[in-house]
N, C-alpha and C. Protein backbone atom coordinates (compact mmCIF):
# COMPACT_ATOMS: atom_id res chain seq x y z
N MET A 1 147.10 111.35 14.27
CA MET A 1 147.10 109.93 14.57
C MET A 1 146.85 109.68 16.06
N ARG A 2 147.52 110.44 16.91
CA ARG A 2 147.34 110.27 18.35
C ARG A 2 145.90 110.56 18.75
N GLN A 3 145.31 111.58 18.12
CA GLN A 3 143.93 111.92 18.46
C GLN A 3 142.99 110.78 18.10
N ARG A 4 143.20 110.15 16.95
CA ARG A 4 142.33 109.03 16.56
C ARG A 4 142.53 107.85 17.49
N LEU A 5 143.76 107.59 17.90
CA LEU A 5 144.03 106.50 18.83
C LEU A 5 143.38 106.78 20.17
N PHE A 6 143.50 108.02 20.65
CA PHE A 6 142.86 108.40 21.91
C PHE A 6 141.34 108.29 21.81
N LEU A 7 140.77 108.75 20.71
CA LEU A 7 139.32 108.67 20.51
C LEU A 7 138.87 107.21 20.47
N SER A 8 139.62 106.35 19.83
CA SER A 8 139.29 104.92 19.80
C SER A 8 139.31 104.33 21.20
N PHE A 9 140.31 104.71 21.99
CA PHE A 9 140.40 104.23 23.37
C PHE A 9 139.20 104.69 24.18
N VAL A 10 138.82 105.96 24.06
CA VAL A 10 137.68 106.49 24.80
C VAL A 10 136.40 105.76 24.40
N LEU A 11 136.21 105.52 23.11
CA LEU A 11 135.02 104.80 22.65
C LEU A 11 135.00 103.37 23.17
N LEU A 12 136.14 102.70 23.16
CA LEU A 12 136.24 101.34 23.68
C LEU A 12 135.95 101.31 25.18
N LEU A 13 136.51 102.27 25.91
CA LEU A 13 136.25 102.35 27.35
C LEU A 13 134.76 102.56 27.61
N GLY A 14 134.12 103.42 26.86
CA GLY A 14 132.67 103.64 27.01
C GLY A 14 131.88 102.39 26.71
N PHE A 15 132.28 101.63 25.68
CA PHE A 15 131.59 100.39 25.35
C PHE A 15 131.74 99.37 26.47
N VAL A 16 132.97 99.23 27.01
CA VAL A 16 133.21 98.28 28.09
C VAL A 16 132.40 98.67 29.32
N THR A 17 132.37 99.95 29.66
CA THR A 17 131.60 100.42 30.82
C THR A 17 130.12 100.16 30.63
N ALA A 18 129.59 100.48 29.46
CA ALA A 18 128.16 100.25 29.20
C ALA A 18 127.85 98.76 29.24
N ARG A 19 128.71 97.95 28.65
CA ARG A 19 128.49 96.50 28.64
C ARG A 19 128.53 95.94 30.06
N SER A 20 129.48 96.43 30.89
CA SER A 20 129.56 95.97 32.28
C SER A 20 128.29 96.30 33.02
N SER A 21 127.76 97.50 32.82
CA SER A 21 126.52 97.89 33.49
C SER A 21 125.37 97.00 33.07
N GLU A 22 125.31 96.68 31.78
CA GLU A 22 124.25 95.80 31.29
C GLU A 22 124.37 94.41 31.90
N GLU A 23 125.58 93.93 32.09
CA GLU A 23 125.80 92.61 32.66
C GLU A 23 125.70 92.62 34.19
N GLY A 24 125.63 93.80 34.78
CA GLY A 24 125.48 93.91 36.22
C GLY A 24 126.76 93.84 37.02
N THR A 25 127.92 94.05 36.38
CA THR A 25 129.18 94.08 37.10
C THR A 25 129.70 95.52 37.10
N PHE A 26 130.23 95.94 38.25
CA PHE A 26 130.64 97.32 38.42
C PHE A 26 131.94 97.38 39.21
N GLU A 27 132.65 98.49 39.06
CA GLU A 27 133.87 98.71 39.83
C GLU A 27 134.06 100.21 40.01
N LYS A 28 134.52 100.58 41.21
CA LYS A 28 134.77 101.99 41.50
C LYS A 28 135.92 102.10 42.48
N SER A 29 136.88 102.97 42.18
CA SER A 29 137.99 103.24 43.08
C SER A 29 137.80 104.65 43.62
N LEU A 30 137.96 104.81 44.95
CA LEU A 30 137.72 106.10 45.57
C LEU A 30 138.52 106.25 46.84
N PRO A 31 138.68 107.49 47.31
CA PRO A 31 139.31 107.67 48.62
C PRO A 31 138.44 107.03 49.70
N ILE A 32 139.05 106.51 50.75
CA ILE A 32 138.28 105.89 51.82
C ILE A 32 137.39 106.96 52.45
N PRO A 33 136.08 106.73 52.47
CA PRO A 33 135.15 107.76 52.97
C PRO A 33 135.08 107.77 54.50
N ARG A 34 136.04 108.42 55.11
CA ARG A 34 136.07 108.52 56.57
C ARG A 34 135.12 109.63 57.00
N GLY A 35 134.17 109.31 57.84
CA GLY A 35 133.28 110.33 58.38
C GLY A 35 132.16 110.76 57.47
N GLY A 36 131.76 109.96 56.52
CA GLY A 36 130.64 110.34 55.65
C GLY A 36 130.31 109.26 54.64
N ASP A 37 129.32 109.54 53.81
CA ASP A 37 128.91 108.62 52.75
C ASP A 37 129.71 108.90 51.48
N ALA A 38 129.92 107.86 50.71
CA ALA A 38 130.48 108.01 49.36
C ALA A 38 129.42 107.47 48.40
N LYS A 39 129.10 108.25 47.39
CA LYS A 39 128.10 107.84 46.41
C LYS A 39 128.68 106.72 45.54
N ILE A 40 127.87 105.68 45.35
CA ILE A 40 128.25 104.57 44.48
C ILE A 40 127.44 104.66 43.18
N GLY A 41 126.12 104.60 43.28
CA GLY A 41 125.26 104.85 42.13
C GLY A 41 125.18 103.74 41.09
N TRP A 42 125.26 102.48 41.50
CA TRP A 42 125.13 101.37 40.56
C TRP A 42 123.68 100.88 40.58
N SER A 43 123.16 100.53 39.41
CA SER A 43 121.82 99.95 39.40
C SER A 43 121.66 99.02 38.20
N ARG A 44 120.75 98.08 38.41
CA ARG A 44 120.39 97.13 37.35
C ARG A 44 119.03 96.53 37.69
N SER A 45 118.12 96.61 36.76
CA SER A 45 116.79 96.00 36.87
C SER A 45 116.07 96.38 38.17
N GLY A 46 116.18 97.64 38.56
CA GLY A 46 115.49 98.12 39.75
C GLY A 46 116.24 97.94 41.05
N CYS A 47 117.32 97.18 41.02
CA CYS A 47 118.13 96.94 42.22
C CYS A 47 119.34 97.87 42.17
N ALA A 48 119.68 98.48 43.31
CA ALA A 48 120.75 99.49 43.29
C ALA A 48 121.61 99.45 44.54
N VAL A 49 122.88 99.81 44.34
CA VAL A 49 123.80 100.11 45.43
C VAL A 49 123.98 101.62 45.37
N LEU A 50 123.43 102.32 46.36
CA LEU A 50 123.37 103.78 46.31
C LEU A 50 124.65 104.44 46.84
N SER A 51 125.13 103.97 48.02
CA SER A 51 126.29 104.61 48.65
C SER A 51 126.90 103.65 49.66
N VAL A 52 128.01 104.08 50.23
CA VAL A 52 128.68 103.31 51.28
C VAL A 52 129.10 104.26 52.39
N THR A 53 128.97 103.79 53.62
CA THR A 53 129.44 104.51 54.80
C THR A 53 130.42 103.59 55.53
N VAL A 54 131.57 104.13 55.89
CA VAL A 54 132.54 103.35 56.67
C VAL A 54 132.24 103.59 58.14
N ARG A 55 132.03 102.51 58.87
CA ARG A 55 131.69 102.60 60.29
C ARG A 55 132.82 102.01 61.14
N ASN A 56 132.96 102.55 62.33
CA ASN A 56 133.90 102.04 63.33
C ASN A 56 135.37 102.25 62.94
N CYS A 57 135.65 103.32 62.22
CA CYS A 57 137.06 103.65 61.94
C CYS A 57 137.75 103.92 63.27
N PRO A 58 139.01 103.54 63.40
CA PRO A 58 139.70 103.78 64.65
C PRO A 58 139.79 105.28 64.96
N SER A 59 139.72 105.60 66.24
CA SER A 59 139.82 106.99 66.69
C SER A 59 141.27 107.45 66.63
N ARG A 60 141.48 108.75 66.73
CA ARG A 60 142.84 109.30 66.75
C ARG A 60 143.63 108.69 67.91
N GLU A 61 142.98 108.49 69.06
CA GLU A 61 143.63 107.89 70.22
C GLU A 61 144.07 106.45 69.92
N ASP A 62 143.19 105.66 69.28
CA ASP A 62 143.54 104.28 68.91
C ASP A 62 144.72 104.25 67.94
N ILE A 63 144.73 105.17 66.99
CA ILE A 63 145.81 105.22 66.00
C ILE A 63 147.13 105.60 66.67
N ASP A 64 147.08 106.61 67.54
CA ASP A 64 148.30 107.04 68.25
C ASP A 64 148.85 105.92 69.13
N THR A 65 147.96 105.20 69.82
CA THR A 65 148.39 104.07 70.66
C THR A 65 149.03 102.98 69.79
N ALA A 66 148.43 102.70 68.64
CA ALA A 66 148.99 101.69 67.74
C ALA A 66 150.37 102.11 67.24
N ARG A 67 150.54 103.38 66.93
CA ARG A 67 151.84 103.86 66.44
C ARG A 67 152.92 103.77 67.55
N ARG A 68 152.54 104.09 68.77
CA ARG A 68 153.51 104.11 69.88
C ARG A 68 153.77 102.73 70.47
N GLU A 69 152.70 101.95 70.72
CA GLU A 69 152.84 100.76 71.56
C GLU A 69 152.45 99.44 70.89
N LYS A 70 151.45 99.45 70.04
CA LYS A 70 150.91 98.20 69.50
C LYS A 70 150.76 98.27 67.99
N PRO A 71 151.85 98.15 67.24
CA PRO A 71 151.75 98.28 65.78
C PRO A 71 150.89 97.19 65.11
N ASP A 72 150.68 96.07 65.79
CA ASP A 72 149.85 95.01 65.21
C ASP A 72 148.42 95.03 65.74
N ASP A 73 148.02 96.10 66.42
CA ASP A 73 146.65 96.23 66.91
C ASP A 73 145.66 96.11 65.75
N LYS A 74 144.54 95.45 65.99
CA LYS A 74 143.53 95.22 64.95
C LYS A 74 142.27 96.01 65.26
N SER A 75 141.55 96.37 64.21
CA SER A 75 140.28 97.08 64.33
C SER A 75 139.26 96.42 63.40
N TRP A 76 138.01 96.37 63.86
CA TRP A 76 136.90 95.97 62.99
C TRP A 76 136.42 97.22 62.29
N VAL A 77 136.37 97.17 60.97
CA VAL A 77 135.85 98.28 60.17
C VAL A 77 134.73 97.71 59.32
N TRP A 78 133.58 98.41 59.32
CA TRP A 78 132.41 97.93 58.59
C TRP A 78 132.11 98.85 57.42
N TRP A 79 131.90 98.26 56.27
CA TRP A 79 131.54 98.96 55.05
C TRP A 79 130.04 98.76 54.88
N ASP A 80 129.28 99.77 55.22
CA ASP A 80 127.82 99.71 55.25
C ASP A 80 127.27 100.24 53.92
N PHE A 81 126.86 99.33 53.04
CA PHE A 81 126.35 99.70 51.73
C PHE A 81 124.84 99.92 51.81
N HIS A 82 124.39 101.05 51.31
CA HIS A 82 122.98 101.40 51.29
C HIS A 82 122.42 100.92 49.95
N VAL A 83 121.47 99.97 50.03
CA VAL A 83 120.94 99.33 48.82
C VAL A 83 119.41 99.44 48.79
N GLU A 84 118.86 99.22 47.61
CA GLU A 84 117.41 99.20 47.47
C GLU A 84 117.04 98.29 46.31
N ASN A 85 115.77 97.88 46.31
CA ASN A 85 115.22 97.08 45.22
C ASN A 85 113.84 97.64 44.87
N ARG A 86 113.78 98.39 43.81
CA ARG A 86 112.51 98.95 43.34
C ARG A 86 111.87 98.04 42.29
N GLY A 87 112.49 96.89 42.06
CA GLY A 87 111.96 95.93 41.10
C GLY A 87 110.90 95.03 41.72
N SER A 88 110.44 94.07 40.93
CA SER A 88 109.36 93.19 41.38
C SER A 88 109.85 91.79 41.75
N VAL A 89 111.15 91.53 41.60
CA VAL A 89 111.71 90.23 41.97
C VAL A 89 112.92 90.43 42.89
N LYS A 90 113.18 89.44 43.72
CA LYS A 90 114.33 89.48 44.64
C LYS A 90 115.61 89.55 43.81
N CYS A 91 116.56 90.35 44.27
CA CYS A 91 117.84 90.42 43.56
C CYS A 91 118.98 90.05 44.51
N LYS A 92 120.09 89.69 43.91
CA LYS A 92 121.28 89.32 44.67
C LYS A 92 122.36 90.36 44.37
N ILE A 93 122.97 90.86 45.44
CA ILE A 93 124.07 91.82 45.30
C ILE A 93 125.31 91.20 45.93
N SER A 94 126.39 91.15 45.17
CA SER A 94 127.68 90.68 45.67
C SER A 94 128.63 91.87 45.68
N LEU A 95 129.34 92.05 46.78
CA LEU A 95 130.23 93.20 46.94
C LEU A 95 131.62 92.74 47.39
N TRP A 96 132.65 93.36 46.84
CA TRP A 96 134.03 93.10 47.20
C TRP A 96 134.67 94.43 47.56
N VAL A 97 135.41 94.45 48.66
CA VAL A 97 136.11 95.65 49.13
C VAL A 97 137.59 95.32 49.19
N ASP A 98 138.40 96.09 48.44
CA ASP A 98 139.86 95.93 48.44
C ASP A 98 140.48 97.24 48.90
N ILE A 99 141.21 97.21 50.01
CA ILE A 99 141.81 98.41 50.59
C ILE A 99 143.30 98.41 50.23
N PHE A 100 143.78 99.57 49.74
CA PHE A 100 145.15 99.67 49.24
C PHE A 100 145.96 100.68 50.06
N ASP A 101 147.23 100.32 50.31
CA ASP A 101 148.11 101.24 51.02
C ASP A 101 148.67 102.29 50.04
N LYS A 102 149.54 103.15 50.55
CA LYS A 102 150.08 104.25 49.74
C LYS A 102 150.87 103.76 48.53
N SER A 103 151.46 102.59 48.62
CA SER A 103 152.24 102.06 47.50
C SER A 103 151.38 101.28 46.51
N GLY A 104 150.09 101.15 46.78
CA GLY A 104 149.20 100.45 45.86
C GLY A 104 149.04 98.97 46.16
N ARG A 105 149.60 98.51 47.27
CA ARG A 105 149.51 97.10 47.66
C ARG A 105 148.20 96.88 48.43
N ALA A 106 147.49 95.81 48.10
CA ALA A 106 146.26 95.48 48.82
C ALA A 106 146.61 95.04 50.24
N VAL A 107 146.04 95.72 51.24
CA VAL A 107 146.31 95.36 52.63
C VAL A 107 145.16 94.57 53.24
N LYS A 108 144.00 94.63 52.62
CA LYS A 108 142.86 93.86 53.11
C LYS A 108 141.83 93.74 52.00
N SER A 109 141.22 92.56 51.90
CA SER A 109 140.13 92.31 50.97
C SER A 109 139.04 91.56 51.71
N SER A 110 137.82 91.90 51.40
CA SER A 110 136.70 91.22 52.02
C SER A 110 135.52 91.27 51.06
N ASP A 111 134.58 90.34 51.23
CA ASP A 111 133.43 90.32 50.33
C ASP A 111 132.21 89.75 51.04
N LEU A 112 131.06 89.99 50.44
CA LEU A 112 129.80 89.48 50.97
C LEU A 112 128.75 89.53 49.88
N SER A 113 127.89 88.54 49.86
CA SER A 113 126.72 88.53 48.97
C SER A 113 125.47 88.45 49.82
N ASP A 114 124.41 89.12 49.36
CA ASP A 114 123.14 89.09 50.07
C ASP A 114 122.03 89.35 49.07
N THR A 115 120.81 89.07 49.48
CA THR A 115 119.66 89.33 48.62
C THR A 115 118.86 90.50 49.17
N VAL A 116 118.14 91.17 48.26
CA VAL A 116 117.30 92.29 48.63
C VAL A 116 115.90 92.00 48.09
N ASP A 117 114.92 92.00 49.00
CA ASP A 117 113.54 91.71 48.62
C ASP A 117 112.96 92.83 47.77
N PRO A 118 112.00 92.49 46.89
CA PRO A 118 111.35 93.53 46.10
C PRO A 118 110.65 94.54 47.01
N GLY A 119 110.68 95.79 46.60
CA GLY A 119 110.01 96.84 47.36
C GLY A 119 110.80 97.38 48.54
N LYS A 120 112.02 96.85 48.80
CA LYS A 120 112.85 97.37 49.89
C LYS A 120 113.55 98.64 49.39
N HIS A 121 113.22 99.76 50.04
CA HIS A 121 113.77 101.04 49.60
C HIS A 121 114.84 101.57 50.55
N ASP A 122 115.07 100.88 51.65
CA ASP A 122 116.07 101.33 52.62
C ASP A 122 116.67 100.10 53.30
N ASP A 123 117.64 99.48 52.63
CA ASP A 123 118.25 98.27 53.16
C ASP A 123 119.76 98.47 53.19
N ASN A 124 120.46 97.59 53.90
CA ASN A 124 121.91 97.68 54.03
C ASN A 124 122.54 96.31 53.85
N ILE A 125 123.73 96.32 53.30
CA ILE A 125 124.59 95.14 53.26
C ILE A 125 125.89 95.58 53.91
N ARG A 126 126.32 94.89 54.97
CA ARG A 126 127.51 95.27 55.71
C ARG A 126 128.63 94.28 55.44
N VAL A 127 129.73 94.78 54.89
CA VAL A 127 130.93 93.98 54.67
C VAL A 127 131.90 94.29 55.81
N SER A 128 132.27 93.27 56.55
CA SER A 128 133.17 93.45 57.70
C SER A 128 134.61 93.21 57.30
N THR A 129 135.49 94.03 57.85
CA THR A 129 136.93 93.82 57.67
C THR A 129 137.61 93.97 59.02
N ARG A 130 138.38 92.98 59.38
CA ARG A 130 139.22 93.07 60.59
C ARG A 130 140.64 93.23 60.07
N MET A 131 141.22 94.38 60.38
CA MET A 131 142.52 94.69 59.81
C MET A 131 143.37 95.47 60.80
N ARG A 132 144.65 95.57 60.49
CA ARG A 132 145.55 96.34 61.35
C ARG A 132 145.06 97.78 61.42
N THR A 133 145.04 98.32 62.62
CA THR A 133 144.60 99.70 62.84
C THR A 133 145.40 100.67 61.99
N LEU A 134 146.71 100.47 61.92
CA LEU A 134 147.56 101.37 61.14
C LEU A 134 147.29 101.25 59.64
N ASP A 135 146.90 100.07 59.18
CA ASP A 135 146.58 99.92 57.75
C ASP A 135 145.36 100.74 57.36
N ILE A 136 144.30 100.68 58.14
CA ILE A 136 143.11 101.47 57.79
C ILE A 136 143.38 102.96 57.99
N ALA A 137 144.20 103.30 58.97
CA ALA A 137 144.51 104.71 59.22
C ALA A 137 145.34 105.32 58.08
N ASP A 138 146.25 104.54 57.52
CA ASP A 138 147.20 105.07 56.54
C ASP A 138 146.81 104.80 55.09
N SER A 139 145.82 103.95 54.85
CA SER A 139 145.45 103.60 53.48
C SER A 139 144.60 104.71 52.86
N PRO A 140 145.00 105.18 51.69
CA PRO A 140 144.26 106.29 51.08
C PRO A 140 143.08 105.87 50.20
N ARG A 141 143.10 104.65 49.64
CA ARG A 141 142.10 104.29 48.63
C ARG A 141 141.49 102.92 48.87
N VAL A 142 140.30 102.78 48.29
CA VAL A 142 139.58 101.52 48.30
C VAL A 142 139.03 101.30 46.89
N THR A 143 139.03 100.05 46.46
CA THR A 143 138.34 99.69 45.22
C THR A 143 137.18 98.81 45.62
N ILE A 144 136.01 99.20 45.16
CA ILE A 144 134.78 98.46 45.45
C ILE A 144 134.29 97.87 44.14
N ARG A 145 134.04 96.57 44.17
CA ARG A 145 133.49 95.89 43.00
C ARG A 145 132.14 95.33 43.39
N GLY A 146 131.26 95.26 42.43
CA GLY A 146 129.93 94.73 42.72
C GLY A 146 129.33 93.99 41.55
N GLN A 147 128.40 93.14 41.89
CA GLN A 147 127.63 92.43 40.87
C GLN A 147 126.17 92.41 41.34
N ILE A 148 125.29 92.82 40.45
CA ILE A 148 123.86 92.87 40.75
C ILE A 148 123.16 91.97 39.74
N GLY A 149 122.34 91.06 40.27
CA GLY A 149 121.63 90.16 39.38
C GLY A 149 120.38 89.60 40.05
N PRO A 150 119.62 88.83 39.31
CA PRO A 150 118.44 88.20 39.90
C PRO A 150 118.85 87.13 40.88
N LYS A 151 117.99 86.87 41.86
CA LYS A 151 118.23 85.83 42.86
C LYS A 151 118.20 84.48 42.22
């Protein structure tokens, strides 16, 4: 009985995931990619969100200073999404970034929508977040949501 229930759950999850991709809505939870790219791999109708790079993470010195002297110090952190449009019509990409602390509480959320012209194979959408230096330093995970559709 448990196996059939588990199999039904897996099939339902696969259907929901496939349906979301068809509708152009996506979600991915991952460790914060400090110092490199994280593969995203979403696409719809030739338009894609390939990966994300986190830029301007606070340095070890900035984090140590915030811990010792300025616990409310703020940092600008940029989520640089690498996108492309291999389709023949302009597409719109909407992105949401939710950063979570160790207890699972959202410490910062930000979003941005932009369009990508047809034939653009190397474009970026940058989502800016201004947040406490200690929050970005100590937060282990981010959930990224996206929607890809025609302009």
